[in-house]
Amino acid sequence: MYNRSWIILLTCLTLSLSTNAQAPPPPEATTRAAADDTALVADYYPAGDDAPALILLHMLNSRRGAWDPLIPDLQAAGYAILNVDMRGHGDSGGARDWDAIIADMAGWVELLAENEHSSEAGLAFIGGSIGANVALISCAQSDACDGAVALSPGLDYRGVKPEAALVDGLAERMALLVASQADASSATAIRQMFLNAKGDVSARIYPGRAHGTRLFDSRYDSVSRLILGWLAELFAPEAR
C-alpha cells in the first residue's frame, strides 16, 4: 500500500507532466533591420498552421513585457503573436520617431509572411495608449489586417492621430475601443470615434482611471474575455 507521502509525490509528478505536455511553445526572439537599418526587436510566438496572427504594441515609455499577462490566454486561444518593442523602447534601437514607428509596422507584417503566416488566416493589431493609435493607423494601412483593438486610444498622442484611419481606413473592417471612465481624454476619444466610425466598431468604457495595458492590473479577467471574444468574432469563418 502506498503511504501518504508517495501518493502526494505521484500526484505532483502527474500534474507536472500534464502541465509540461500542454505548455505552449516559448517565444522566438526576433531582430530585424528597419528601412533605415535601425535594429528592431520582438518576440514571436508561433502557432499551428492557418492560425490568425496578432501584433502587440505597448504604451509610451513601456516595452513588450507589458503584454505578458495577456499572452498565455492568446496562446491558449491558438493565435500566433508578434510582441514588438517599438523603436526607441525596450531592446529596439533608434529614436522615438512616430512616423518611423508607423512605417516599421509594414516590415513586421512582412516578417509574419516570412514565418509562413498565411495572409488568409487573418491579422489584427492590438495596442495600448499611443500603441493603440499606432495599431489603428497601421491596420488601416495594411491590406492584410482585419481589425484592431485599441486600449485607451487618444485623438492626438504626440501627433499620432488615428481618427481618420478609423473612420475611413477601417470603414469595412472591425475595431474594438476600450477606455476607463475617469481616463478623460481616452473616454472622450472613443466616444467621438465610435460616433463617427463607419465600420463595425465596438466600444467599452470601464469604471476607474486605468490606462492602456494597466487595465490588466485591475480588470484583467473582464478585459481578457472582452478581447478574446472580439477576436473570435473577427476571425470567425462566416465573418471572413
Protein backbone atom coordinates (compact mmCIF):
# COMPACT_ATOMS: atom_id res chain seq x y z
CA MET A 1 0.00 0.00 0.00
CA TYR A 2 1.27 3.48 -0.84
CA ASN A 3 1.81 5.76 2.10
CA ARG A 4 0.50 9.33 2.06
CA SER A 5 3.83 10.91 1.06
CA TRP A 6 4.16 8.66 -2.02
CA ILE A 7 0.59 9.46 -3.10
CA ILE A 8 1.32 13.20 -2.83
CA LEU A 9 4.59 12.79 -4.76
CA LEU A 10 2.94 10.79 -7.55
CA THR A 11 0.13 13.34 -7.79
CA CYS A 12 2.62 16.20 -8.08
CA LEU A 13 4.58 14.35 -10.77
CA THR A 14 1.39 13.67 -12.73
CA LEU A 15 0.35 17.32 -12.56
CA SER A 16 3.84 18.42 -13.58
CA LEU A 17 3.92 16.10 -16.59
CA SER A 18 0.42 17.20 -17.61
CA THR A 19 1.39 20.87 -17.36
CA ASN A 20 4.58 20.33 -19.36
CA ALA A 21 2.73 18.42 -22.06
CA GLN A 22 0.28 21.28 -22.54
CA ALA A 23 2.81 24.12 -22.29
CA PRO A 24 2.62 26.46 -25.29
CA PRO A 25 5.76 26.99 -27.37
CA PRO A 26 8.18 29.59 -25.97
CA PRO A 27 8.77 32.84 -27.86
CA GLU A 28 11.42 33.16 -30.52
CA ALA A 29 13.47 36.35 -30.08
CA THR A 30 13.45 38.17 -33.42
CA THR A 31 15.63 41.06 -34.56
CA ARG A 32 15.23 42.75 -37.92
CA ALA A 33 16.58 45.85 -39.58
CA ALA A 34 14.12 48.64 -40.38
CA ALA A 35 14.28 50.52 -43.68
CA ASP A 36 16.83 52.91 -42.12
CA ASP A 37 18.82 49.97 -40.65
CA THR A 38 17.59 50.54 -37.10
CA ALA A 39 17.64 47.26 -35.17
CA LEU A 40 14.12 46.35 -34.06
CA VAL A 41 13.30 43.55 -31.62
CA ALA A 42 10.20 41.45 -31.00
CA ASP A 43 9.17 38.11 -29.53
CA TYR A 44 7.43 35.75 -31.95
CA TYR A 45 5.10 33.11 -30.52
CA PRO A 46 4.37 30.55 -33.25
CA ALA A 47 1.07 28.72 -33.53
CA GLY A 48 -0.43 25.99 -35.67
CA ASP A 49 -0.97 26.12 -39.39
CA ASP A 50 -3.51 28.71 -40.52
CA ALA A 51 -3.58 30.44 -37.13
CA PRO A 52 -4.53 34.13 -37.18
CA ALA A 53 -1.71 36.45 -36.13
CA LEU A 54 -1.65 39.34 -33.66
CA ILE A 55 0.82 42.22 -33.49
CA LEU A 56 1.05 43.75 -29.99
CA LEU A 57 2.11 47.39 -29.46
CA HIS A 58 2.91 48.72 -25.98
CA MET A 59 2.46 52.19 -24.44
CA LEU A 60 4.86 55.14 -24.41
CA ASN A 61 7.87 54.57 -22.09
CA SER A 62 6.94 50.88 -21.88
CA ARG A 63 8.13 47.71 -23.61
CA ARG A 64 6.82 44.43 -24.93
CA GLY A 65 6.75 42.80 -21.47
CA ALA A 66 3.65 44.86 -20.67
CA TRP A 67 1.64 42.27 -22.62
CA ASP A 68 2.91 39.29 -20.59
CA PRO A 69 -0.36 38.92 -18.61
CA LEU A 70 -2.43 38.53 -21.80
CA ILE A 71 -0.10 36.38 -23.89
CA PRO A 72 -0.88 33.00 -22.23
CA ASP A 73 -4.60 33.47 -22.92
CA LEU A 74 -3.90 34.49 -26.52
CA GLN A 75 -1.70 31.43 -26.98
CA ALA A 76 -4.30 29.15 -25.44
CA ALA A 77 -6.81 30.53 -27.95
CA GLY A 78 -4.49 29.48 -30.78
CA TYR A 79 -3.10 32.77 -32.06
CA ALA A 80 0.38 33.42 -33.46
CA ILE A 81 1.75 36.50 -31.70
CA LEU A 82 4.36 39.11 -32.59
CA ASN A 83 5.08 41.17 -29.46
CA VAL A 84 7.03 44.24 -30.57
CA ASP A 85 9.36 46.69 -28.86
CA MET A 86 8.65 49.83 -30.85
CA ARG A 87 11.76 51.76 -31.90
CA GLY A 88 13.24 53.79 -29.07
CA HIS A 89 11.73 51.42 -26.49
CA GLY A 90 12.90 48.25 -24.78
CA ASP A 91 15.51 46.37 -26.80
CA SER A 92 14.82 48.20 -30.08
CA GLY A 93 17.18 50.93 -31.21
CA GLY A 94 16.52 54.31 -32.74
CA ALA A 95 14.74 57.44 -31.64
CA ARG A 96 11.04 57.69 -30.79
CA ASP A 97 10.03 58.89 -34.23
CA TRP A 98 6.34 58.08 -34.51
CA ASP A 99 6.17 58.38 -38.29
CA ALA A 100 9.03 55.88 -38.48
CA ILE A 101 7.33 53.63 -35.92
CA ILE A 102 4.19 53.51 -38.04
CA ALA A 103 6.30 52.79 -41.13
CA ASP A 104 8.02 49.95 -39.23
CA MET A 105 4.73 48.06 -38.98
CA ALA A 106 4.75 47.10 -42.67
CA GLY A 107 8.05 45.34 -42.05
CA TRP A 108 6.61 43.40 -39.12
CA VAL A 109 3.70 42.26 -41.31
CA GLU A 110 6.25 41.10 -43.91
CA LEU A 111 8.11 39.18 -41.21
CA LEU A 112 4.96 37.25 -40.41
CA ALA A 113 4.75 36.26 -44.06
CA GLU A 114 8.39 35.13 -43.92
CA ASN A 115 7.43 32.93 -40.96
CA GLU A 116 4.89 31.25 -43.26
CA HIS A 117 1.91 33.01 -41.74
CA SER A 118 -0.79 32.90 -44.39
CA SER A 119 -2.46 36.23 -45.13
CA GLU A 120 -5.71 34.26 -45.47
CA ALA A 121 -5.50 33.22 -41.80
CA GLY A 122 -6.10 36.79 -40.63
CA LEU A 123 -4.23 39.54 -38.83
CA ALA A 124 -5.10 42.04 -36.10
CA PHE A 125 -3.17 44.76 -34.29
CA ILE A 126 -3.61 45.27 -30.54
CA GLY A 127 -2.21 48.38 -28.88
CA GLY A 128 -2.26 50.35 -25.65
CA SER A 129 -2.33 54.17 -25.37
CA ILE A 130 -0.12 55.60 -28.14
CA GLY A 131 0.37 52.00 -29.25
CA ALA A 132 -3.40 51.88 -29.69
CA ASN A 133 -3.21 54.88 -32.03
CA VAL A 134 -0.40 53.20 -33.97
CA ALA A 135 -2.44 49.97 -34.10
CA LEU A 136 -5.48 51.69 -35.63
CA ILE A 137 -3.40 53.55 -38.22
CA SER A 138 -1.25 50.53 -39.07
CA CYS A 139 -4.27 48.29 -39.53
CA ALA A 140 -5.88 50.84 -41.85
CA GLN A 141 -2.67 50.96 -43.90
CA SER A 142 -2.31 47.18 -44.25
CA ASP A 143 -4.43 45.20 -46.69
CA ALA A 144 -3.63 42.11 -44.60
CA CYS A 145 -5.20 43.50 -41.41
CA ASP A 146 -8.76 42.55 -40.47
CA GLY A 147 -9.17 44.74 -37.40
CA ALA A 148 -7.60 46.42 -34.38
CA VAL A 149 -8.02 46.52 -30.61
CA ALA A 150 -7.27 49.90 -29.03
CA LEU A 151 -6.85 50.12 -25.26
CA SER A 152 -7.09 53.80 -24.25
CA PRO A 153 -6.58 55.43 -27.65
CA GLY A 154 -6.50 59.21 -27.92
CA LEU A 155 -7.40 61.75 -30.57
CA ASP A 156 -3.83 63.08 -30.61
CA TYR A 157 -0.92 61.45 -28.79
CA ARG A 158 2.34 63.18 -29.75
CA GLY A 159 1.00 63.91 -33.21
CA VAL A 160 -0.29 60.38 -33.78
CA LYS A 161 -3.94 60.95 -34.77
CA PRO A 162 -5.93 57.78 -35.52
CA GLU A 163 -9.47 59.05 -36.05
CA ALA A 164 -9.26 59.41 -39.84
CA ALA A 165 -7.81 55.88 -40.07
CA LEU A 166 -10.69 54.54 -38.00
CA VAL A 167 -13.41 56.47 -39.84
CA ASP A 168 -12.18 55.88 -43.39
CA GLY A 169 -9.37 53.30 -43.46
CA LEU A 170 -11.27 50.80 -41.33
CA ALA A 171 -14.68 51.53 -42.82
CA GLU A 172 -15.04 47.92 -43.98
CA ARG A 173 -13.17 46.33 -41.08
CA MET A 174 -13.59 45.92 -37.34
CA ALA A 175 -12.29 47.77 -34.29
CA LEU A 176 -12.63 47.42 -30.52
CA LEU A 177 -12.15 50.60 -28.47
CA VAL A 178 -11.64 50.36 -24.70
CA ALA A 179 -11.10 53.05 -22.05
CA SER A 180 -11.73 53.93 -18.41
CA GLN A 181 -14.37 56.49 -17.46
CA ALA A 182 -12.02 58.66 -15.38
CA ASP A 183 -9.29 58.49 -18.04
CA ALA A 184 -11.00 61.52 -19.53
CA SER A 185 -9.04 62.04 -22.75
CA SER A 186 -9.38 58.41 -23.81
CA ALA A 187 -13.03 58.10 -22.77
CA THR A 188 -13.85 61.26 -24.75
CA ALA A 189 -11.82 60.00 -27.71
CA ILE A 190 -13.56 56.65 -28.03
CA ARG A 191 -16.99 58.26 -27.73
CA GLN A 192 -16.14 60.57 -30.63
CA MET A 193 -14.53 57.78 -32.66
CA PHE A 194 -17.49 55.49 -32.08
CA LEU A 195 -20.00 58.11 -33.25
CA ASN A 196 -18.01 58.93 -36.40
CA ALA A 197 -16.88 55.44 -37.38
CA LYS A 198 -18.28 53.80 -40.50
CA GLY A 199 -17.12 50.25 -39.91
CA ASP A 200 -18.03 47.55 -37.38
CA VAL A 201 -16.86 49.24 -34.18
CA SER A 202 -17.41 48.12 -30.59
CA ALA A 203 -16.66 50.25 -27.53
CA ARG A 204 -16.40 49.50 -23.80
CA ILE A 205 -15.85 52.04 -21.02
CA TYR A 206 -14.88 50.69 -17.60
CA PRO A 207 -15.14 52.46 -14.23
CA GLY A 208 -11.91 53.87 -12.82
CA ARG A 209 -8.92 55.55 -14.41
CA ALA A 210 -6.63 52.70 -15.53
CA HIS A 211 -4.90 53.49 -18.82
CA GLY A 212 -3.72 51.21 -21.61
CA THR A 213 -2.17 47.92 -20.52
CA ARG A 214 -2.63 49.00 -16.89
CA LEU A 215 -6.22 47.87 -17.36
CA PHE A 216 -4.81 44.37 -16.81
CA ASP A 217 -3.86 45.31 -13.24
CA SER A 218 -7.41 45.94 -12.07
CA ARG A 219 -9.73 44.31 -14.61
CA TYR A 220 -7.72 41.53 -16.21
CA ASP A 221 -10.43 38.86 -16.35
CA SER A 222 -13.01 41.17 -17.92
CA VAL A 223 -10.59 42.81 -20.38
CA SER A 224 -9.15 39.45 -21.41
CA ARG A 225 -12.61 37.97 -22.03
CA LEU A 226 -13.60 41.08 -23.96
CA ILE A 227 -10.57 40.90 -26.25
CA LEU A 228 -10.76 37.14 -26.78
CA GLY A 229 -14.48 37.28 -27.54
CA TRP A 230 -13.98 40.09 -30.01
CA LEU A 231 -11.09 38.27 -31.72
CA ALA A 232 -13.21 35.11 -32.02
CA GLU A 233 -15.88 37.13 -33.81
CA LEU A 234 -13.30 38.89 -36.01
CA PHE A 235 -11.77 35.62 -37.22
CA ALA A 236 -14.95 33.54 -37.37
CA PRO A 237 -15.24 31.81 -40.78
CA GLU A 238 -18.54 33.49 -41.53
CA ALA A 239 -17.00 36.92 -40.90
CA ARG A 240 -14.18 36.43 -43.41
